Amino acid sequence: MSIRDELTALIARIGDTHVDADNTDFHEDVVDAILAHYGVVELPTLNDPDDDGQIYTDVAELRIDTSGPNGNEVFLPGGSQTSPHQLRQEASDYLAAANRAEAQS
């Protein structure tokens, strides 16, 4: 079952079984379903593009070129280009590793 299906099923319980909207167990079930599949992190606010159309991140030294011919392009430290999809996949690998390391310490 996908996380979307799982959350939809949990939320549907309110109507199907008349779960009280103030029911703490229900809210905890929804939160547990989200956290079982996703790492929830606060995203930093990025600056607006500079005069050259570049957005720089503070920690990861990533650069987003908003002036490129193909729309927004993401560049890694060292200048190699990556896609938003690949960047998200790599970020999720880092988060999974951090979760595992924290769980085992």
PDB file of N, CA and C in Angstrom:
ATOM      1  N   MET A   1       0.854  -1.175   0.000  1.00  0.00           N
ATOM      2  CA  MET A   1       0.000   0.000   0.000  1.00  0.00           C
ATOM      3  C   MET A   1       0.898   1.235   0.000  1.00  0.00           C
ATOM      4  N   SER A   2       0.612   2.189  -0.869  1.00  0.00           N
ATOM      5  CA  SER A   2       1.400   3.422  -0.915  1.00  0.00           C
ATOM      6  C   SER A   2       1.076   4.283   0.301  1.00  0.00           C
ATOM      7  N   ILE A   3       1.969   5.220   0.619  1.00  0.00           N
ATOM      8  CA  ILE A   3       1.731   6.113   1.756  1.00  0.00           C
ATOM      9  C   ILE A   3       0.474   6.933   1.501  1.00  0.00           C
ATOM     10  N   ARG A   4       0.237   7.311   0.246  1.00  0.00           N
ATOM     11  CA  ARG A   4      -0.971   8.073  -0.086  1.00  0.00           C
ATOM     12  C   ARG A   4      -2.209   7.250   0.238  1.00  0.00           C
ATOM     13  N   ASP A   5      -2.198   5.965  -0.159  1.00  0.00           N
ATOM     14  CA  ASP A   5      -3.341   5.091   0.128  1.00  0.00           C
ATOM     15  C   ASP A   5      -3.515   4.878   1.633  1.00  0.00           C
ATOM     16  N   GLU A   6      -2.392   4.699   2.328  1.00  0.00           N
ATOM     17  CA  GLU A   6      -2.454   4.480   3.768  1.00  0.00           C
ATOM     18  C   GLU A   6      -3.036   5.696   4.489  1.00  0.00           C
ATOM     19  N   LEU A   7      -2.568   6.884   4.114  1.00  0.00           N
ATOM     20  CA  LEU A   7      -3.079   8.104   4.743  1.00  0.00           C
ATOM     21  C   LEU A   7      -4.541   8.337   4.388  1.00  0.00           C
ATOM     22  N   THR A   8      -4.880   8.082   3.132  1.00  0.00           N
ATOM     23  CA  THR A   8      -6.276   8.242   2.714  1.00  0.00           C
ATOM     24  C   THR A   8      -7.182   7.318   3.520  1.00  0.00           C
ATOM     25  N   ALA A   9      -6.745   6.081   3.707  1.00  0.00           N
ATOM     26  CA  ALA A   9      -7.544   5.127   4.486  1.00  0.00           C
ATOM     27  C   ALA A   9      -7.695   5.579   5.933  1.00  0.00           C
ATOM     28  N   LEU A  10      -6.618   6.089   6.505  1.00  0.00           N
ATOM     29  CA  LEU A  10      -6.689   6.558   7.893  1.00  0.00           C
ATOM     30  C   LEU A  10      -7.626   7.758   8.026  1.00  0.00           C
ATOM     31  N   ILE A  11      -7.510   8.686   7.119  1.00  0.00           N
ATOM     32  CA  ILE A  11      -8.349   9.879   7.173  1.00  0.00           C
ATOM     33  C   ILE A  11      -9.808   9.521   6.915  1.00  0.00           C
ATOM     34  N   ALA A  12     -10.034   8.549   6.034  1.00  0.00           N
ATOM     35  CA  ALA A  12     -11.407   8.118   5.742  1.00  0.00           C
ATOM     36  C   ALA A  12     -12.083   7.521   6.969  1.00  0.00           C
ATOM     37  N   ARG A  13     -11.296   7.035   7.917  1.00  0.00           N
ATOM     38  CA  ARG A  13     -11.868   6.473   9.151  1.00  0.00           C
ATOM     39  C   ARG A  13     -12.726   7.495   9.882  1.00  0.00           C
ATOM     40  N   ILE A  14     -12.446   8.773   9.736  1.00  0.00           N
ATOM     41  CA  ILE A  14     -13.250   9.791  10.416  1.00  0.00           C
ATOM     42  C   ILE A  14     -14.700   9.675   9.972  1.00  0.00           C
ATOM     43  N   GLY A  15     -14.924   9.582   8.667  1.00  0.00           N
ATOM     44  CA  GLY A  15     -16.288   9.491   8.155  1.00  0.00           C
ATOM     45  C   GLY A  15     -16.888   8.110   8.309  1.00  0.00           C
ATOM     46  N   ASP A  16     -16.077   7.077   8.081  1.00  0.00           N
ATOM     47  CA  ASP A  16     -16.594   5.709   8.086  1.00  0.00           C
ATOM     48  C   ASP A  16     -16.961   5.210   9.474  1.00  0.00           C
ATOM     49  N   THR A  17     -16.170   5.565  10.457  1.00  0.00           N
ATOM     50  CA  THR A  17     -16.410   5.022  11.798  1.00  0.00           C
ATOM     51  C   THR A  17     -16.753   6.108  12.807  1.00  0.00           C
ATOM     52  N   HIS A  18     -16.976   7.298  12.299  1.00  0.00           N
ATOM     53  CA  HIS A  18     -17.325   8.424  13.157  1.00  0.00           C
ATOM     54  C   HIS A  18     -16.271   8.639  14.249  1.00  0.00           C
ATOM     55  N   VAL A  19     -15.001   8.574  13.821  1.00  0.00           N
ATOM     56  CA  VAL A  19     -13.919   8.848  14.763  1.00  0.00           C
ATOM     57  C   VAL A  19     -14.002  10.309  15.151  1.00  0.00           C
ATOM     58  N   ASP A  20     -13.948  10.565  16.417  1.00  0.00           N
ATOM     59  CA  ASP A  20     -13.989  11.929  16.931  1.00  0.00           C
ATOM     60  C   ASP A  20     -12.768  12.687  16.414  1.00  0.00           C
ATOM     61  N   ALA A  21     -12.966  13.863  15.857  1.00  0.00           N
ATOM     62  CA  ALA A  21     -11.863  14.658  15.317  1.00  0.00           C
ATOM     63  C   ALA A  21     -10.839  15.027  16.387  1.00  0.00           C
ATOM     64  N   ASP A  22     -11.223  14.973  17.641  1.00  0.00           N
ATOM     65  CA  ASP A  22     -10.295  15.262  18.734  1.00  0.00           C
ATOM     66  C   ASP A  22      -9.608  14.005  19.259  1.00  0.00           C
ATOM     67  N   ASN A  23      -9.841  12.866  18.621  1.00  0.00           N
ATOM     68  CA  ASN A  23      -9.285  11.592  19.063  1.00  0.00           C
ATOM     69  C   ASN A  23      -7.771  11.586  18.867  1.00  0.00           C
ATOM     70  N   THR A  24      -7.021  11.591  19.949  1.00  0.00           N
ATOM     71  CA  THR A  24      -5.561  11.628  19.895  1.00  0.00           C
ATOM     72  C   THR A  24      -4.994  10.392  19.226  1.00  0.00           C
ATOM     73  N   ASP A  25      -5.590   9.214  19.450  1.00  0.00           N
ATOM     74  CA  ASP A  25      -5.092   7.991  18.830  1.00  0.00           C
ATOM     75  C   ASP A  25      -5.131   8.090  17.316  1.00  0.00           C
ATOM     76  N   PHE A  26      -6.205   8.651  16.778  1.00  0.00           N
ATOM     77  CA  PHE A  26      -6.328   8.803  15.335  1.00  0.00           C
ATOM     78  C   PHE A  26      -5.221   9.704  14.801  1.00  0.00           C
ATOM     79  N   HIS A  27      -5.007  10.846  15.454  1.00  0.00           N
ATOM     80  CA  HIS A  27      -3.970  11.775  15.006  1.00  0.00           C
ATOM     81  C   HIS A  27      -2.595  11.122  15.066  1.00  0.00           C
ATOM     82  N   GLU A  28      -2.354  10.353  16.116  1.00  0.00           N
ATOM     83  CA  GLU A  28      -1.067   9.662  16.236  1.00  0.00           C
ATOM     84  C   GLU A  28      -0.911   8.615  15.139  1.00  0.00           C
ATOM     85  N   ASP A  29      -2.003   7.943  14.757  1.00  0.00           N
ATOM     86  CA  ASP A  29      -1.946   6.970  13.666  1.00  0.00           C
ATOM     87  C   ASP A  29      -1.531   7.644  12.367  1.00  0.00           C
ATOM     88  N   VAL A  30      -2.084   8.805  12.092  1.00  0.00           N
ATOM     89  CA  VAL A  30      -1.737   9.533  10.867  1.00  0.00           C
ATOM     90  C   VAL A  30      -0.271   9.950  10.902  1.00  0.00           C
ATOM     91  N   VAL A  31       0.173  10.512  12.016  1.00  0.00           N
ATOM     92  CA  VAL A  31       1.570  10.934  12.139  1.00  0.00           C
ATOM     93  C   VAL A  31       2.503   9.735  12.015  1.00  0.00           C
ATOM     94  N   ASP A  32       2.167   8.616  12.676  1.00  0.00           N
ATOM     95  CA  ASP A  32       3.001   7.413  12.590  1.00  0.00           C
ATOM     96  C   ASP A  32       3.092   6.901  11.162  1.00  0.00           C
ATOM     97  N   ALA A  33       1.966   6.953  10.427  1.00  0.00           N
ATOM     98  CA  ALA A  33       1.967   6.496   9.034  1.00  0.00           C
ATOM     99  C   ALA A  33       2.889   7.360   8.175  1.00  0.00           C
ATOM    100  N   ILE A  34       2.873   8.651   8.415  1.00  0.00           N
ATOM    101  CA  ILE A  34       3.755   9.549   7.660  1.00  0.00           C
ATOM    102  C   ILE A  34       5.217   9.278   8.010  1.00  0.00           C
ATOM    103  N   LEU A  35       5.523   9.238   9.300  1.00  0.00           N
ATOM    104  CA  LEU A  35       6.908   9.107   9.728  1.00  0.00           C
ATOM    105  C   LEU A  35       7.494   7.729   9.450  1.00  0.00           C
ATOM    106  N   ALA A  36       6.647   6.709   9.285  1.00  0.00           N
ATOM    107  CA  ALA A  36       7.144   5.373   8.966  1.00  0.00           C
ATOM    108  C   ALA A  36       7.728   5.323   7.556  1.00  0.00           C
ATOM    109  N   HIS A  37       7.298   6.224   6.702  1.00  0.00           N
ATOM    110  CA  HIS A  37       7.728   6.189   5.307  1.00  0.00           C
ATOM    111  C   HIS A  37       8.535   7.403   4.873  1.00  0.00           C
ATOM    112  N   TYR A  38       8.460   8.482   5.622  1.00  0.00           N
ATOM    113  CA  TYR A  38       9.087   9.718   5.187  1.00  0.00           C
ATOM    114  C   TYR A  38       9.872  10.354   6.326  1.00  0.00           C
ATOM    115  N   GLY A  39      11.006  10.937   5.975  1.00  0.00           N
ATOM    116  CA  GLY A  39      11.735  11.778   6.903  1.00  0.00           C
ATOM    117  C   GLY A  39      11.201  13.187   6.758  1.00  0.00           C
ATOM    118  N   VAL A  40      10.765  13.759   7.829  1.00  0.00           N
ATOM    119  CA  VAL A  40      10.213  15.108   7.772  1.00  0.00           C
ATOM    120  C   VAL A  40      11.293  16.064   8.261  1.00  0.00           C
ATOM    121  N   VAL A  41      11.689  16.964   7.387  1.00  0.00           N
ATOM    122  CA  VAL A  41      12.734  17.929   7.726  1.00  0.00           C
ATOM    123  C   VAL A  41      12.251  19.335   7.392  1.00  0.00           C
ATOM    124  N   GLU A  42      12.779  20.290   8.121  1.00  0.00           N
ATOM    125  CA  GLU A  42      12.484  21.684   7.814  1.00  0.00           C
ATOM    126  C   GLU A  42      13.425  22.122   6.697  1.00  0.00           C
ATOM    127  N   LEU A  43      12.846  22.584   5.613  1.00  0.00           N
ATOM    128  CA  LEU A  43      13.656  23.028   4.484  1.00  0.00           C
ATOM    129  C   LEU A  43      14.130  24.457   4.713  1.00  0.00           C
ATOM    130  N   PRO A  44      15.401  24.730   4.412  1.00  0.00           N
ATOM    131  CA  PRO A  44      15.881  26.104   4.566  1.00  0.00           C
ATOM    132  C   PRO A  44      15.271  27.007   3.497  1.00  0.00           C
ATOM    133  N   THR A  45      15.158  28.255   3.813  1.00  0.00           N
ATOM    134  CA  THR A  45      14.685  29.238   2.841  1.00  0.00           C
ATOM    135  C   THR A  45      15.865  29.642   1.969  1.00  0.00           C
ATOM    136  N   LEU A  46      15.691  29.537   0.679  1.00  0.00           N
ATOM    137  CA  LEU A  46      16.760  29.929  -0.230  1.00  0.00           C
ATOM    138  C   LEU A  46      16.599  31.393  -0.610  1.00  0.00           C
ATOM    139  N   ASN A  47      17.718  32.026  -0.914  1.00  0.00           N
ATOM    140  CA  ASN A  47      17.690  33.415  -1.355  1.00  0.00           C
ATOM    141  C   ASN A  47      17.086  33.506  -2.745  1.00  0.00           C
ATOM    142  N   ASP A  48      16.705  34.698  -3.123  1.00  0.00           N
ATOM    143  CA  ASP A  48      16.256  34.949  -4.486  1.00  0.00           C
ATOM    144  C   ASP A  48      17.472  34.883  -5.412  1.00  0.00           C
ATOM    145  N   PRO A  49      17.233  34.674  -6.711  1.00  0.00           N
ATOM    146  CA  PRO A  49      18.364  34.649  -7.644  1.00  0.00           C
ATOM    147  C   PRO A  49      19.143  35.960  -7.613  1.00  0.00           C
ATOM    148  N   ASP A  50      20.465  35.849  -7.796  1.00  0.00           N
ATOM    149  CA  ASP A  50      21.281  37.055  -7.890  1.00  0.00           C
ATOM    150  C   ASP A  50      21.133  37.663  -9.284  1.00  0.00           C
ATOM    151  N   ASP A  51      21.930  38.674  -9.582  1.00  0.00           N
ATOM    152  CA  ASP A  51      21.811  39.374 -10.862  1.00  0.00           C
ATOM    153  C   ASP A  51      22.088  38.476 -12.069  1.00  0.00           C
ATOM    154  N   ASP A  52      22.811  37.377 -11.841  1.00  0.00           N
ATOM    155  CA  ASP A  52      23.113  36.439 -12.920  1.00  0.00           C
ATOM    156  C   ASP A  52      22.127  35.271 -12.969  1.00  0.00           C
ATOM    157  N   GLY A  53      21.093  35.314 -12.134  1.00  0.00           N
ATOM    158  CA  GLY A  53      20.102  34.245 -12.124  1.00  0.00           C
ATOM    159  C   GLY A  53      20.513  33.021 -11.335  1.00  0.00           C
ATOM    160  N   GLN A  54      21.490  33.186 -10.428  1.00  0.00           N
ATOM    161  CA  GLN A  54      22.004  32.057  -9.651  1.00  0.00           C
ATOM    162  C   GLN A  54      21.434  32.088  -8.225  1.00  0.00           C
ATOM    163  N   ILE A  55      21.063  30.912  -7.733  1.00  0.00           N
ATOM    164  CA  ILE A  55      20.654  30.750  -6.337  1.00  0.00           C
ATOM    165  C   ILE A  55      21.660  29.799  -5.706  1.00  0.00           C
ATOM    166  N   TYR A  56      22.247  30.215  -4.597  1.00  0.00           N
ATOM    167  CA  TYR A  56      23.237  29.393  -3.910  1.00  0.00           C
ATOM    168  C   TYR A  56      22.670  28.914  -2.577  1.00  0.00           C
ATOM    169  N   THR A  57      22.963  27.657  -2.233  1.00  0.00           N
ATOM    170  CA  THR A  57      22.581  27.151  -0.913  1.00  0.00           C
ATOM    171  C   THR A  57      23.709  27.454   0.060  1.00  0.00           C
ATOM    172  N   ASP A  58      23.369  27.531   1.344  1.00  0.00           N
ATOM    173  CA  ASP A  58      24.356  27.917   2.350  1.00  0.00           C
ATOM    174  C   ASP A  58      25.277  26.775   2.772  1.00  0.00           C
ATOM    175  N   VAL A  59      24.743  25.577   2.917  1.00  0.00           N
ATOM    176  CA  VAL A  59      25.516  24.479   3.490  1.00  0.00           C
ATOM    177  C   VAL A  59      26.047  23.527   2.419  1.00  0.00           C
ATOM    178  N   ALA A  60      25.189  23.079   1.538  1.00  0.00           N
ATOM    179  CA  ALA A  60      25.570  22.035   0.586  1.00  0.00           C
ATOM    180  C   ALA A  60      26.337  22.555  -0.617  1.00  0.00           C
ATOM    181  N   GLU A  61      26.466  23.871  -0.752  1.00  0.00           N
ATOM    182  CA  GLU A  61      27.180  24.478  -1.876  1.00  0.00           C
ATOM    183  C   GLU A  61      26.599  24.061  -3.227  1.00  0.00           C
ATOM    184  N   LEU A  62      25.275  23.954  -3.256  1.00  0.00           N
ATOM    185  CA  LEU A  62      24.584  23.696  -4.511  1.00  0.00           C
ATOM    186  C   LEU A  62      24.280  25.030  -5.170  1.00  0.00           C
ATOM    187  N   ARG A  63      24.103  24.982  -6.488  1.00  0.00           N
ATOM    188  CA  ARG A  63      23.765  26.186  -7.225  1.00  0.00           C
ATOM    189  C   ARG A  63      22.614  25.868  -8.164  1.00  0.00           C
ATOM    190  N   ILE A  64      21.628  26.733  -8.175  1.00  0.00           N
ATOM    191  CA  ILE A  64      20.519  26.610  -9.111  1.00  0.00           C
ATOM    192  C   ILE A  64      20.645  27.757 -10.097  1.00  0.00           C
ATOM    193  N   ASP A  65      20.758  27.404 -11.371  1.00  0.00           N
ATOM    194  CA  ASP A  65      20.861  28.405 -12.424  1.00  0.00           C
ATOM    195  C   ASP A  65      19.468  28.597 -13.008  1.00  0.00           C
ATOM    196  N   THR A  66      18.875  29.745 -12.711  1.00  0.00           N
ATOM    197  CA  THR A  66      17.522  30.026 -13.200  1.00  0.00           C
ATOM    198  C   THR A  66      17.523  30.660 -14.586  1.00  0.00           C
ATOM    199  N   SER A  67      18.706  30.928 -15.122  1.00  0.00           N
ATOM    200  CA  SER A  67      18.790  31.610 -16.415  1.00  0.00           C
ATOM    201  C   SER A  67      19.169  30.672 -17.550  1.00  0.00           C
ATOM    202  N   GLY A  68      19.263  29.391 -17.261  1.00  0.00           N
ATOM    203  CA  GLY A  68      19.667  28.435 -18.294  1.00  0.00           C
ATOM    204  C   GLY A  68      18.612  28.270 -19.383  1.00  0.00           C
ATOM    205  N   PRO A  69      19.025  27.784 -20.535  1.00  0.00           N
ATOM    206  CA  PRO A  69      18.095  27.619 -21.653  1.00  0.00           C
ATOM    207  C   PRO A  69      17.018  26.553 -21.401  1.00  0.00           C
ATOM    208  N   ASN A  70      17.277  25.644 -20.477  1.00  0.00           N
ATOM    209  CA  ASN A  70      16.327  24.566 -20.183  1.00  0.00           C
ATOM    210  C   ASN A  70      15.563  24.807 -18.888  1.00  0.00           C
ATOM    211  N   GLY A  71      15.476  26.046 -18.450  1.00  0.00           N
ATOM    212  CA  GLY A  71      14.818  26.330 -17.173  1.00  0.00           C
ATOM    213  C   GLY A  71      15.798  26.179 -16.031  1.00  0.00           C
ATOM    214  N   ASN A  72      15.290  25.912 -14.835  1.00  0.00           N
ATOM    215  CA  ASN A  72      16.152  25.776 -13.668  1.00  0.00           C
ATOM    216  C   ASN A  72      17.051  24.548 -13.804  1.00  0.00           C
ATOM    217  N   GLU A  73      18.356  24.766 -13.611  1.00  0.00           N
ATOM    218  CA  GLU A  73      19.329  23.688 -13.672  1.00  0.00           C
ATOM    219  C   GLU A  73      20.088  23.656 -12.356  1.00  0.00           C
ATOM    220  N   VAL A  74      20.312  22.459 -11.810  1.00  0.00           N
ATOM    221  CA  VAL A  74      20.975  22.296 -10.519  1.00  0.00           C
ATOM    222  C   VAL A  74      22.409  21.836 -10.750  1.00  0.00           C
ATOM    223  N   PHE A  75      23.346  22.510 -10.081  1.00  0.00           N
ATOM    224  CA  PHE A  75      24.763  22.167 -10.185  1.00  0.00           C
ATOM    225  C   PHE A  75      25.304  21.816  -8.798  1.00  0.00           C
ATOM    226  N   LEU A  76      26.044  20.720  -8.734  1.00  0.00           N
ATOM    227  CA  LEU A  76      26.668  20.240  -7.500  1.00  0.00           C
ATOM    228  C   LEU A  76      27.993  20.958  -7.269  1.00  0.00           C
ATOM    229  N   PRO A  77      28.545  20.858  -6.054  1.00  0.00           N
ATOM    230  CA  PRO A  77      29.891  21.385  -5.848  1.00  0.00           C
ATOM    231  C   PRO A  77      30.841  20.752  -6.870  1.00  0.00           C
ATOM    232  N   GLY A  78      31.692  21.533  -7.449  1.00  0.00           N
ATOM    233  CA  GLY A  78      32.583  21.043  -8.491  1.00  0.00           C
ATOM    234  C   GLY A  78      32.045  21.291  -9.882  1.00  0.00           C
ATOM    235  N   GLY A  79      30.765  21.674  -9.986  1.00  0.00           N
ATOM    236  CA  GLY A  79      30.220  22.086 -11.265  1.00  0.00           C
ATOM    237  C   GLY A  79      29.437  21.060 -12.052  1.00  0.00           C
ATOM    238  N   SER A  80      29.377  19.798 -11.586  1.00  0.00           N
ATOM    239  CA  SER A  80      28.598  18.831 -12.369  1.00  0.00           C
ATOM    240  C   SER A  80      27.101  19.086 -12.183  1.00  0.00           C
ATOM    241  N   GLN A  81      26.351  18.830 -13.242  1.00  0.00           N
ATOM    242  CA  GLN A  81      24.915  19.113 -13.245  1.00  0.00           C
ATOM    243  C   GLN A  81      24.148  17.866 -12.822  1.00  0.00           C
ATOM    244  N   THR A  82      23.007  18.059 -12.150  1.00  0.00           N
ATOM    245  CA  THR A  82      22.137  16.959 -11.762  1.00  0.00           C
ATOM    246  C   THR A  82      20.685  17.382 -11.954  1.00  0.00           C
ATOM    247  N   SER A  83      19.809  16.415 -11.943  1.00  0.00           N
ATOM    248  CA  SER A  83      18.379  16.712 -12.075  1.00  0.00           C
ATOM    249  C   SER A  83      17.758  16.864 -10.695  1.00  0.00           C
ATOM    250  N   PRO A  84      16.649  17.576 -10.586  1.00  0.00           N
ATOM    251  CA  PRO A  84      15.958  17.650  -9.299  1.00  0.00           C
ATOM    252  C   PRO A  84      15.597  16.256  -8.777  1.00  0.00           C
ATOM    253  N   HIS A  85      15.185  15.346  -9.675  1.00  0.00           N
ATOM    254  CA  HIS A  85      14.835  13.988  -9.245  1.00  0.00           C
ATOM    255  C   HIS A  85      16.039  13.282  -8.631  1.00  0.00           C
ATOM    256  N   GLN A  86      17.181  13.336  -9.296  1.00  0.00           N
ATOM    257  CA  GLN A  86      18.392  12.686  -8.777  1.00  0.00           C
ATOM    258  C   GLN A  86      18.827  13.325  -7.463  1.00  0.00           C
ATOM    259  N   LEU A  87      18.704  14.630  -7.361  1.00  0.00           N
ATOM    260  CA  LEU A  87      19.076  15.326  -6.132  1.00  0.00           C
ATOM    261  C   LEU A  87      18.186  14.884  -4.973  1.00  0.00           C
ATOM    262  N   ARG A  88      16.868  14.750  -5.213  1.00  0.00           N
ATOM    263  CA  ARG A  88      15.951  14.263  -4.173  1.00  0.00           C
ATOM    264  C   ARG A  88      16.296  12.839  -3.759  1.00  0.00           C
ATOM    265  N   GLN A  89      16.633  11.984  -4.724  1.00  0.00           N
ATOM    266  CA  GLN A  89      16.995  10.602  -4.411  1.00  0.00           C
ATOM    267  C   GLN A  89      18.241  10.563  -3.538  1.00  0.00           C
ATOM    268  N   GLU A  90      19.228  11.353  -3.899  1.00  0.00           N
ATOM    269  CA  GLU A  90      20.465  11.397  -3.111  1.00  0.00           C
ATOM    270  C   GLU A  90      20.189  11.933  -1.708  1.00  0.00           C
ATOM    271  N   ALA A  91      19.359  12.973  -1.619  1.00  0.00           N
ATOM    272  CA  ALA A  91      19.014  13.529  -0.309  1.00  0.00           C
ATOM    273  C   ALA A  91      18.287  12.492   0.546  1.00  0.00           C
ATOM    274  N   SER A  92      17.409  11.711  -0.067  1.00  0.00           N
ATOM    275  CA  SER A  92      16.691  10.690   0.704  1.00  0.00           C
ATOM    276  C   SER A  92      17.644   9.602   1.180  1.00  0.00           C
ATOM    277  N   ASP A  93      18.674   9.279   0.388  1.00  0.00           N
ATOM    278  CA  ASP A  93      19.686   8.317   0.836  1.00  0.00           C
ATOM    279  C   ASP A  93      20.432   8.847   2.057  1.00  0.00           C
ATOM    280  N   TYR A  94      20.786  10.120   2.038  1.00  0.00           N
ATOM    281  CA  TYR A  94      21.461  10.729   3.185  1.00  0.00           C
ATOM    282  C   TYR A  94      20.567  10.686   4.434  1.00  0.00           C
ATOM    283  N   LEU A  95      19.282  11.018   4.263  1.00  0.00           N
ATOM    284  CA  LEU A  95      18.359  11.006   5.397  1.00  0.00           C
ATOM    285  C   LEU A  95      18.164   9.603   5.944  1.00  0.00           C
ATOM    286  N   ALA A  96      18.062   8.608   5.057  1.00  0.00           N
ATOM    287  CA  ALA A  96      17.919   7.223   5.508  1.00  0.00           C
ATOM    288  C   ALA A  96      19.154   6.779   6.284  1.00  0.00           C
ATOM    289  N   ALA A  97      20.329   7.166   5.814  1.00  0.00           N
ATOM    290  CA  ALA A  97      21.559   6.820   6.522  1.00  0.00           C
ATOM    291  C   ALA A  97      21.620   7.494   7.888  1.00  0.00           C
ATOM    292  N   ALA A  98      21.204   8.758   7.950  1.00  0.00           N
ATOM    293  CA  ALA A  98      21.195   9.463   9.238  1.00  0.00           C
ATOM    294  C   ALA A  98      20.214   8.808  10.207  1.00  0.00           C
ATOM    295  N   ASN A  99      19.027   8.428   9.712  1.00  0.00           N
ATOM    296  CA  ASN A  99      18.048   7.741  10.570  1.00  0.00           C
ATOM    297  C   ASN A  99      18.604   6.444  11.108  1.00  0.00           C
ATOM    298  N   ARG A 100      19.241   5.648  10.251  1.00  0.00           N
ATOM    299  CA  ARG A 100      19.801   4.372  10.670  1.00  0.00           C
ATOM    300  C   ARG A 100      20.912   4.574  11.694  1.00  0.00           C
ATOM    301  N   ALA A 101      21.765   5.546  11.439  1.00  0.00           N
ATOM    302  CA  ALA A 101      22.872   5.820  12.373  1.00  0.00           C
ATOM    303  C   ALA A 101      22.346   6.265  13.730  1.00  0.00           C
ATOM    304  N   GLU A 102      21.334   7.111  13.727  1.00  0.00           N
ATOM    305  CA  GLU A 102      20.740   7.561  15.003  1.00  0.00           C
ATOM    306  C   GLU A 102      20.055   6.422  15.724  1.00  0.00           C
ATOM    307  N   ALA A 103      19.393   5.548  14.998  1.00  0.00           N
ATOM    308  CA  ALA A 103      18.675   4.430  15.618  1.00  0.00           C
ATOM    309  C   ALA A 103      19.632   3.442  16.259  1.00  0.00           C
ATOM    310  N   GLN A 104      20.852   3.346  15.750  1.00  0.00           N
ATOM    311  CA  GLN A 104      21.810   2.384  16.266  1.00  0.00           C
ATOM    312  C   GLN A 104      22.774   2.992  17.279  1.00  0.00           C
ATOM    313  N   SER A 105      22.575   4.261  17.636  1.00  0.00           N
ATOM    314  CA  SER A 105      23.491   4.859  18.624  1.00  0.00           C
ATOM    315  C   SER A 105      22.855   4.951  19.982  1.00  0.00           C
TER     316      SER A 105
END
